[in-house]
Amino acid sequence: MADIVVYSSMFCPYCSMAKRLLEGKGVEYEEVSVDWKSGTRKKMAERAHGRTTVPQIFIGDRHIGGFDDLYALDRKGELDPLLATRAG
């Protein structure tokens, strides 16, 4: 599994914004769609401590949360160091 995982849905604008932010940072991520495969949203919710909305973002073992959480980390200057410490 990739070091950065974004659980997303096809028509979710917040998913698109999260992916765009990560792409702007020049990092690769694994996108896991919750749209079609049975049980994917349930697995995501288990990893995300019960959160069922998308996106749900993970960097390594750390649950970041949704787009607002990712954006807040970036605004505080905490996202770049977190991305820099991830295994390559």
PDB file of N, CA and C in Angstrom:
ATOM      1  N   MET A   1       0.842  -1.189   0.000  1.00  0.00           N
ATOM      2  CA  MET A   1       0.000   0.000   0.000  1.00  0.00           C
ATOM      3  C   MET A   1       0.880   1.241   0.000  1.00  0.00           C
ATOM      4  N   ALA A   2       0.425   2.266  -0.669  1.00  0.00           N
ATOM      5  CA  ALA A   2       1.209   3.490  -0.773  1.00  0.00           C
ATOM      6  C   ALA A   2       1.349   4.167   0.579  1.00  0.00           C
ATOM      7  N   ASP A   3       2.333   4.965   0.665  1.00  0.00           N
ATOM      8  CA  ASP A   3       2.671   5.735   1.848  1.00  0.00           C
ATOM      9  C   ASP A   3       1.621   6.811   2.145  1.00  0.00           C
ATOM     10  N   ILE A   4       1.026   7.374   1.098  1.00  0.00           N
ATOM     11  CA  ILE A   4      -0.063   8.348   1.232  1.00  0.00           C
ATOM     12  C   ILE A   4      -1.283   7.738   0.563  1.00  0.00           C
ATOM     13  N   VAL A   5      -2.383   7.678   1.305  1.00  0.00           N
ATOM     14  CA  VAL A   5      -3.618   7.089   0.789  1.00  0.00           C
ATOM     15  C   VAL A   5      -4.726   8.117   0.898  1.00  0.00           C
ATOM     16  N   VAL A   6      -5.456   8.295  -0.195  1.00  0.00           N
ATOM     17  CA  VAL A   6      -6.610   9.183  -0.230  1.00  0.00           C
ATOM     18  C   VAL A   6      -7.826   8.348  -0.608  1.00  0.00           C
ATOM     19  N   TYR A   7      -8.729   8.158   0.341  1.00  0.00           N
ATOM     20  CA  TYR A   7     -10.012   7.522   0.039  1.00  0.00           C
ATOM     21  C   TYR A   7     -10.892   8.609  -0.558  1.00  0.00           C
ATOM     22  N   SER A   8     -11.507   8.316  -1.696  1.00  0.00           N
ATOM     23  CA  SER A   8     -12.254   9.351  -2.396  1.00  0.00           C
ATOM     24  C   SER A   8     -13.483   8.788  -3.090  1.00  0.00           C
ATOM     25  N   SER A   9     -14.272   9.725  -3.609  1.00  0.00           N
ATOM     26  CA  SER A   9     -15.450   9.403  -4.384  1.00  0.00           C
ATOM     27  C   SER A   9     -15.392  10.219  -5.675  1.00  0.00           C
ATOM     28  N   MET A  10     -15.953   9.694  -6.731  1.00  0.00           N
ATOM     29  CA  MET A  10     -15.822  10.269  -8.058  1.00  0.00           C
ATOM     30  C   MET A  10     -16.297  11.728  -8.162  1.00  0.00           C
ATOM     31  N   PHE A  11     -17.403  12.074  -7.555  1.00  0.00           N
ATOM     32  CA  PHE A  11     -17.978  13.407  -7.744  1.00  0.00           C
ATOM     33  C   PHE A  11     -17.795  14.311  -6.535  1.00  0.00           C
ATOM     34  N   CYS A  12     -16.790  14.045  -5.721  1.00  0.00           N
ATOM     35  CA  CYS A  12     -16.549  14.798  -4.488  1.00  0.00           C
ATOM     36  C   CYS A  12     -15.581  15.954  -4.749  1.00  0.00           C
ATOM     37  N   PRO A  13     -16.051  17.204  -4.635  1.00  0.00           N
ATOM     38  CA  PRO A  13     -15.148  18.333  -4.890  1.00  0.00           C
ATOM     39  C   PRO A  13     -14.022  18.429  -3.854  1.00  0.00           C
ATOM     40  N   TYR A  14     -14.292  18.027  -2.617  1.00  0.00           N
ATOM     41  CA  TYR A  14     -13.247  18.077  -1.592  1.00  0.00           C
ATOM     42  C   TYR A  14     -12.158  17.046  -1.865  1.00  0.00           C
ATOM     43  N   CYS A  15     -12.537  15.929  -2.444  1.00  0.00           N
ATOM     44  CA  CYS A  15     -11.552  14.923  -2.855  1.00  0.00           C
ATOM     45  C   CYS A  15     -10.641  15.506  -3.925  1.00  0.00           C
ATOM     46  N   SER A  16     -11.236  16.172  -4.893  1.00  0.00           N
ATOM     47  CA  SER A  16     -10.452  16.793  -5.964  1.00  0.00           C
ATOM     48  C   SER A  16      -9.489  17.838  -5.412  1.00  0.00           C
ATOM     49  N   MET A  17      -9.957  18.632  -4.465  1.00  0.00           N
ATOM     50  CA  MET A  17      -9.092  19.663  -3.881  1.00  0.00           C
ATOM     51  C   MET A  17      -7.950  19.039  -3.086  1.00  0.00           C
ATOM     52  N   ALA A  18      -8.218  17.963  -2.358  1.00  0.00           N
ATOM     53  CA  ALA A  18      -7.162  17.286  -1.593  1.00  0.00           C
ATOM     54  C   ALA A  18      -6.112  16.707  -2.528  1.00  0.00           C
ATOM     55  N   LYS A  19      -6.561  16.061  -3.591  1.00  0.00           N
ATOM     56  CA  LYS A  19      -5.624  15.472  -4.547  1.00  0.00           C
ATOM     57  C   LYS A  19      -4.803  16.567  -5.236  1.00  0.00           C
ATOM     58  N   ARG A  20      -5.439  17.666  -5.573  1.00  0.00           N
ATOM     59  CA  ARG A  20      -4.742  18.782  -6.216  1.00  0.00           C
ATOM     60  C   ARG A  20      -3.682  19.375  -5.280  1.00  0.00           C
ATOM     61  N   LEU A  21      -4.009  19.491  -3.991  1.00  0.00           N
ATOM     62  CA  LEU A  21      -3.043  20.012  -3.030  1.00  0.00           C
ATOM     63  C   LEU A  21      -1.822  19.093  -2.944  1.00  0.00           C
ATOM     64  N   LEU A  22      -2.066  17.789  -2.854  1.00  0.00           N
ATOM     65  CA  LEU A  22      -0.960  16.834  -2.780  1.00  0.00           C
ATOM     66  C   LEU A  22      -0.144  16.836  -4.068  1.00  0.00           C
ATOM     67  N   GLU A  23      -0.818  16.903  -5.195  1.00  0.00           N
ATOM     68  CA  GLU A  23      -0.107  16.946  -6.480  1.00  0.00           C
ATOM     69  C   GLU A  23       0.742  18.211  -6.579  1.00  0.00           C
ATOM     70  N   GLY A  24       0.232  19.312  -6.040  1.00  0.00           N
ATOM     71  CA  GLY A  24       0.984  20.562  -6.022  1.00  0.00           C
ATOM     72  C   GLY A  24       2.245  20.464  -5.175  1.00  0.00           C
ATOM     73  N   LYS A  25       2.229  19.558  -4.221  1.00  0.00           N
ATOM     74  CA  LYS A  25       3.410  19.322  -3.378  1.00  0.00           C
ATOM     75  C   LYS A  25       4.380  18.362  -4.051  1.00  0.00           C
ATOM     76  N   GLY A  26       3.975  17.797  -5.183  1.00  0.00           N
ATOM     77  CA  GLY A  26       4.847  16.891  -5.921  1.00  0.00           C
ATOM     78  C   GLY A  26       4.953  15.501  -5.315  1.00  0.00           C
ATOM     79  N   VAL A  27       3.940  15.099  -4.551  1.00  0.00           N
ATOM     80  CA  VAL A  27       3.987  13.770  -3.943  1.00  0.00           C
ATOM     81  C   VAL A  27       3.019  12.831  -4.645  1.00  0.00           C
ATOM     82  N   GLU A  28       3.376  11.560  -4.632  1.00  0.00           N
ATOM     83  CA  GLU A  28       2.495  10.536  -5.181  1.00  0.00           C
ATOM     84  C   GLU A  28       1.631   9.986  -4.060  1.00  0.00           C
ATOM     85  N   TYR A  29       0.458   9.526  -4.425  1.00  0.00           N
ATOM     86  CA  TYR A  29      -0.468   8.956  -3.449  1.00  0.00           C
ATOM     87  C   TYR A  29      -1.244   7.837  -4.110  1.00  0.00           C
ATOM     88  N   GLU A  30      -1.793   6.994  -3.266  1.00  0.00           N
ATOM     89  CA  GLU A  30      -2.697   5.951  -3.755  1.00  0.00           C
ATOM     90  C   GLU A  30      -4.118   6.448  -3.535  1.00  0.00           C
ATOM     91  N   GLU A  31      -4.906   6.444  -4.584  1.00  0.00           N
ATOM     92  CA  GLU A  31      -6.310   6.825  -4.473  1.00  0.00           C
ATOM     93  C   GLU A  31      -7.146   5.554  -4.376  1.00  0.00           C
ATOM     94  N   VAL A  32      -7.989   5.490  -3.356  1.00  0.00           N
ATOM     95  CA  VAL A  32      -8.877   4.346  -3.163  1.00  0.00           C
ATOM     96  C   VAL A  32     -10.305   4.864  -3.281  1.00  0.00           C
ATOM     97  N   SER A  33     -10.981   4.456  -4.335  1.00  0.00           N
ATOM     98  CA  SER A  33     -12.363   4.883  -4.553  1.00  0.00           C
ATOM     99  C   SER A  33     -13.305   4.071  -3.670  1.00  0.00           C
ATOM    100  N   VAL A  34     -14.233   4.767  -3.030  1.00  0.00           N
ATOM    101  CA  VAL A  34     -15.239   4.081  -2.215  1.00  0.00           C
ATOM    102  C   VAL A  34     -16.528   3.873  -2.995  1.00  0.00           C
ATOM    103  N   ASP A  35     -16.514   4.212  -4.284  1.00  0.00           N
ATOM    104  CA  ASP A  35     -17.735   4.189  -5.094  1.00  0.00           C
ATOM    105  C   ASP A  35     -18.225   2.798  -5.470  1.00  0.00           C
ATOM    106  N   TRP A  36     -17.338   1.903  -5.852  1.00  0.00           N
ATOM    107  CA  TRP A  36     -17.797   0.695  -6.509  1.00  0.00           C
ATOM    108  C   TRP A  36     -17.546  -0.593  -5.747  1.00  0.00           C
ATOM    109  N   LYS A  37     -16.438  -0.716  -5.081  1.00  0.00           N
ATOM    110  CA  LYS A  37     -16.087  -1.976  -4.444  1.00  0.00           C
ATOM    111  C   LYS A  37     -16.752  -2.091  -3.075  1.00  0.00           C
ATOM    112  N   SER A  38     -17.533  -3.130  -2.903  1.00  0.00           N
ATOM    113  CA  SER A  38     -18.252  -3.361  -1.658  1.00  0.00           C
ATOM    114  C   SER A  38     -17.279  -3.478  -0.487  1.00  0.00           C
ATOM    115  N   GLY A  39     -17.589  -2.811   0.598  1.00  0.00           N
ATOM    116  CA  GLY A  39     -16.784  -2.905   1.809  1.00  0.00           C
ATOM    117  C   GLY A  39     -15.673  -1.882   1.913  1.00  0.00           C
ATOM    118  N   THR A  40     -15.402  -1.150   0.833  1.00  0.00           N
ATOM    119  CA  THR A  40     -14.301  -0.186   0.863  1.00  0.00           C
ATOM    120  C   THR A  40     -14.590   0.961   1.825  1.00  0.00           C
ATOM    121  N   ARG A  41     -15.814   1.487   1.797  1.00  0.00           N
ATOM    122  CA  ARG A  41     -16.156   2.590   2.702  1.00  0.00           C
ATOM    123  C   ARG A  41     -16.107   2.117   4.156  1.00  0.00           C
ATOM    124  N   LYS A  42     -16.525   0.876   4.397  1.00  0.00           N
ATOM    125  CA  LYS A  42     -16.478   0.334   5.759  1.00  0.00           C
ATOM    126  C   LYS A  42     -15.037   0.225   6.244  1.00  0.00           C
ATOM    127  N   LYS A  43     -14.154  -0.258   5.375  1.00  0.00           N
ATOM    128  CA  LYS A  43     -12.735  -0.362   5.730  1.00  0.00           C
ATOM    129  C   LYS A  43     -12.163   1.026   6.013  1.00  0.00           C
ATOM    130  N   MET A  44     -12.529   2.002   5.164  1.00  0.00           N
ATOM    131  CA  MET A  44     -12.071   3.370   5.369  1.00  0.00           C
ATOM    132  C   MET A  44     -12.532   3.893   6.721  1.00  0.00           C
ATOM    133  N   ALA A  45     -13.799   3.674   7.044  1.00  0.00           N
ATOM    134  CA  ALA A  45     -14.349   4.161   8.308  1.00  0.00           C
ATOM    135  C   ALA A  45     -13.649   3.526   9.502  1.00  0.00           C
ATOM    136  N   GLU A  46     -13.300   2.264   9.388  1.00  0.00           N
ATOM    137  CA  GLU A  46     -12.568   1.606  10.473  1.00  0.00           C
ATOM    138  C   GLU A  46     -11.198   2.248  10.651  1.00  0.00           C
ATOM    139  N   ARG A  47     -10.513   2.521   9.567  1.00  0.00           N
ATOM    140  CA  ARG A  47      -9.191   3.176   9.646  1.00  0.00           C
ATOM    141  C   ARG A  47      -9.305   4.614  10.133  1.00  0.00           C
ATOM    142  N   ALA A  48     -10.428   5.266   9.786  1.00  0.00           N
ATOM    143  CA  ALA A  48     -10.614   6.693  10.071  1.00  0.00           C
ATOM    144  C   ALA A  48     -11.392   6.935  11.359  1.00  0.00           C
ATOM    145  N   HIS A  49     -11.376   5.985  12.258  1.00  0.00           N
ATOM    146  CA  HIS A  49     -12.016   6.135  13.572  1.00  0.00           C
ATOM    147  C   HIS A  49     -13.493   6.495  13.462  1.00  0.00           C
ATOM    148  N   GLY A  50     -14.182   5.855  12.512  1.00  0.00           N
ATOM    149  CA  GLY A  50     -15.622   6.025  12.364  1.00  0.00           C
ATOM    150  C   GLY A  50     -16.051   7.093  11.382  1.00  0.00           C
ATOM    151  N   ARG A  51     -15.129   7.851  10.854  1.00  0.00           N
ATOM    152  CA  ARG A  51     -15.496   8.899   9.893  1.00  0.00           C
ATOM    153  C   ARG A  51     -15.848   8.246   8.560  1.00  0.00           C
ATOM    154  N   THR A  52     -17.004   8.618   8.021  1.00  0.00           N
ATOM    155  CA  THR A  52     -17.498   7.987   6.795  1.00  0.00           C
ATOM    156  C   THR A  52     -17.504   8.926   5.593  1.00  0.00           C
ATOM    157  N   THR A  53     -17.158  10.189   5.798  1.00  0.00           N
ATOM    158  CA  THR A  53     -17.144  11.134   4.683  1.00  0.00           C
ATOM    159  C   THR A  53     -15.826  11.031   3.928  1.00  0.00           C
ATOM    160  N   VAL A  54     -15.851  11.450   2.678  1.00  0.00           N
ATOM    161  CA  VAL A  54     -14.636  11.484   1.876  1.00  0.00           C
ATOM    162  C   VAL A  54     -14.284  12.930   1.577  1.00  0.00           C
ATOM    163  N   PRO A  55     -13.017  13.217   1.390  1.00  0.00           N
ATOM    164  CA  PRO A  55     -11.906  12.280   1.429  1.00  0.00           C
ATOM    165  C   PRO A  55     -11.502  11.955   2.869  1.00  0.00           C
ATOM    166  N   GLN A  56     -10.837  10.839   3.022  1.00  0.00           N
ATOM    167  CA  GLN A  56     -10.115  10.513   4.242  1.00  0.00           C
ATOM    168  C   GLN A  56      -8.681  10.267   3.809  1.00  0.00           C
ATOM    169  N   ILE A  57      -7.773  10.969   4.439  1.00  0.00           N
ATOM    170  CA  ILE A  57      -6.385  10.989   3.999  1.00  0.00           C
ATOM    171  C   ILE A  57      -5.495  10.417   5.089  1.00  0.00           C
ATOM    172  N   PHE A  58      -4.565   9.568   4.668  1.00  0.00           N
ATOM    173  CA  PHE A  58      -3.594   8.961   5.572  1.00  0.00           C
ATOM    174  C   PHE A  58      -2.203   9.211   5.020  1.00  0.00           C
ATOM    175  N   ILE A  59      -1.305   9.612   5.890  1.00  0.00           N
ATOM    176  CA  ILE A  59       0.111   9.731   5.534  1.00  0.00           C
ATOM    177  C   ILE A  59       0.839   8.773   6.455  1.00  0.00           C
ATOM    178  N   GLY A  60       1.358   7.708   5.868  1.00  0.00           N
ATOM    179  CA  GLY A  60       1.906   6.626   6.684  1.00  0.00           C
ATOM    180  C   GLY A  60       0.788   6.052   7.536  1.00  0.00           C
ATOM    181  N   ASP A  61       1.044   5.880   8.810  1.00  0.00           N
ATOM    182  CA  ASP A  61       0.029   5.372   9.731  1.00  0.00           C
ATOM    183  C   ASP A  61      -0.838   6.485  10.321  1.00  0.00           C
ATOM    184  N   ARG A  62      -0.521   7.719  10.006  1.00  0.00           N
ATOM    185  CA  ARG A  62      -1.228   8.862  10.598  1.00  0.00           C
ATOM    186  C   ARG A  62      -2.492   9.199   9.809  1.00  0.00           C
ATOM    187  N   HIS A  63      -3.607   9.238  10.517  1.00  0.00           N
ATOM    188  CA  HIS A  63      -4.870   9.663   9.912  1.00  0.00           C
ATOM    189  C   HIS A  63      -4.912  11.181   9.939  1.00  0.00           C
ATOM    190  N   ILE A  64      -4.918  11.784   8.760  1.00  0.00           N
ATOM    191  CA  ILE A  64      -4.954  13.239   8.660  1.00  0.00           C
ATOM    192  C   ILE A  64      -6.380  13.740   8.798  1.00  0.00           C
ATOM    193  N   GLY A  65      -7.322  13.044   8.193  1.00  0.00           N
ATOM    194  CA  GLY A  65      -8.720  13.468   8.187  1.00  0.00           C
ATOM    195  C   GLY A  65      -9.133  13.814   6.773  1.00  0.00           C
ATOM    196  N   GLY A  66      -9.981  14.830   6.650  1.00  0.00           N
ATOM    197  CA  GLY A  66     -10.485  15.238   5.353  1.00  0.00           C
ATOM    198  C   GLY A  66      -9.696  16.387   4.763  1.00  0.00           C
ATOM    199  N   PHE A  67     -10.255  16.991   3.715  1.00  0.00           N
ATOM    200  CA  PHE A  67      -9.565  18.094   3.046  1.00  0.00           C
ATOM    201  C   PHE A  67      -9.308  19.250   3.995  1.00  0.00           C
ATOM    202  N   ASP A  68     -10.298  19.619   4.795  1.00  0.00           N
ATOM    203  CA  ASP A  68     -10.113  20.754   5.713  1.00  0.00           C
ATOM    204  C   ASP A  68      -8.943  20.513   6.657  1.00  0.00           C
ATOM    205  N   ASP A  69      -8.797  19.279   7.119  1.00  0.00           N
ATOM    206  CA  ASP A  69      -7.695  18.932   8.013  1.00  0.00           C
ATOM    207  C   ASP A  69      -6.350  19.019   7.285  1.00  0.00           C
ATOM    208  N   LEU A  70      -6.314  18.520   6.054  1.00  0.00           N
ATOM    209  CA  LEU A  70      -5.103  18.572   5.243  1.00  0.00           C
ATOM    210  C   LEU A  70      -4.713  20.022   4.970  1.00  0.00           C
ATOM    211  N   TYR A  71      -5.698  20.828   4.605  1.00  0.00           N
ATOM    212  CA  TYR A  71      -5.457  22.242   4.304  1.00  0.00           C
ATOM    213  C   TYR A  71      -4.973  22.986   5.548  1.00  0.00           C
ATOM    214  N   ALA A  72      -5.566  22.683   6.694  1.00  0.00           N
ATOM    215  CA  ALA A  72      -5.153  23.329   7.945  1.00  0.00           C
ATOM    216  C   ALA A  72      -3.695  23.001   8.267  1.00  0.00           C
ATOM    217  N   LEU A  73      -3.304  21.749   8.066  1.00  0.00           N
ATOM    218  CA  LEU A  73      -1.897  21.376   8.275  1.00  0.00           C
ATOM    219  C   LEU A  73      -0.982  22.181   7.361  1.00  0.00           C
ATOM    220  N   ASP A  74      -1.400  22.342   6.114  1.00  0.00           N
ATOM    221  CA  ASP A  74      -0.598  23.097   5.162  1.00  0.00           C
ATOM    222  C   ASP A  74      -0.491  24.556   5.583  1.00  0.00           C
ATOM    223  N   ARG A  75      -1.597  25.141   5.994  1.00  0.00           N
ATOM    224  CA  ARG A  75      -1.610  26.551   6.409  1.00  0.00           C
ATOM    225  C   ARG A  75      -0.730  26.797   7.631  1.00  0.00           C
ATOM    226  N   LYS A  76      -0.651  25.810   8.518  1.00  0.00           N
ATOM    227  CA  LYS A  76       0.181  25.937   9.726  1.00  0.00           C
ATOM    228  C   LYS A  76       1.650  25.620   9.447  1.00  0.00           C
ATOM    229  N   GLY A  77       1.950  25.214   8.225  1.00  0.00           N
ATOM    230  CA  GLY A  77       3.323  24.874   7.876  1.00  0.00           C
ATOM    231  C   GLY A  77       3.744  23.495   8.350  1.00  0.00           C
ATOM    232  N   GLU A  78       2.789  22.641   8.684  1.00  0.00           N
ATOM    233  CA  GLU A  78       3.095  21.317   9.213  1.00  0.00           C
ATOM    234  C   GLU A  78       3.015  20.203   8.168  1.00  0.00           C
ATOM    235  N   LEU A  79       2.447  20.498   7.005  1.00  0.00           N
ATOM    236  CA  LEU A  79       2.289  19.448   6.000  1.00  0.00           C
ATOM    237  C   LEU A  79       3.614  19.120   5.311  1.00  0.00           C
ATOM    238  N   ASP A  80       4.351  20.126   4.902  1.00  0.00           N
ATOM    239  CA  ASP A  80       5.614  19.866   4.198  1.00  0.00           C
ATOM    240  C   ASP A  80       6.585  19.033   5.033  1.00  0.00           C
ATOM    241  N   PRO A  81       6.785  19.354   6.322  1.00  0.00           N
ATOM    242  CA  PRO A  81       7.679  18.496   7.120  1.00  0.00           C
ATOM    243  C   PRO A  81       7.150  17.062   7.248  1.00  0.00           C
ATOM    244  N   LEU A  82       5.853  16.915   7.346  1.00  0.00           N
ATOM    245  CA  LEU A  82       5.257  15.578   7.443  1.00  0.00           C
ATOM    246  C   LEU A  82       5.496  14.794   6.149  1.00  0.00           C
ATOM    247  N   LEU A  83       5.338  15.455   5.033  1.00  0.00           N
ATOM    248  CA  LEU A  83       5.578  14.811   3.743  1.00  0.00           C
ATOM    249  C   LEU A  83       7.060  14.478   3.563  1.00  0.00           C
ATOM    250  N   ALA A  84       7.923  15.345   4.084  1.00  0.00           N
ATOM    251  CA  ALA A  84       9.371  15.126   3.949  1.00  0.00           C
ATOM    252  C   ALA A  84       9.860  13.936   4.753  1.00  0.00           C
ATOM    253  N   THR A  85       9.164  13.578   5.839  1.00  0.00           N
ATOM    254  CA  THR A  85       9.609  12.487   6.694  1.00  0.00           C
ATOM    255  C   THR A  85       9.042  11.142   6.281  1.00  0.00           C
ATOM    256  N   ARG A  86       8.136  11.125   5.317  1.00  0.00           N
ATOM    257  CA  ARG A  86       7.536   9.865   4.907  1.00  0.00           C
ATOM    258  C   ARG A  86       8.565   9.011   4.187  1.00  0.00           C
ATOM    259  N   ALA A  87       8.366   7.708   4.289  1.00  0.00           N
ATOM    260  CA  ALA A  87       9.290   6.778   3.619  1.00  0.00           C
ATOM    261  C   ALA A  87       9.148   6.930   2.116  1.00  0.00           C
ATOM    262  N   GLY A  88      10.225   6.920   1.403  1.00  0.00           N
ATOM    263  CA  GLY A  88      10.199   7.116  -0.038  1.00  0.00           C
ATOM    264  C   GLY A  88      10.186   5.829  -0.747  1.00  0.00           C
TER     265      GLY A  88
END
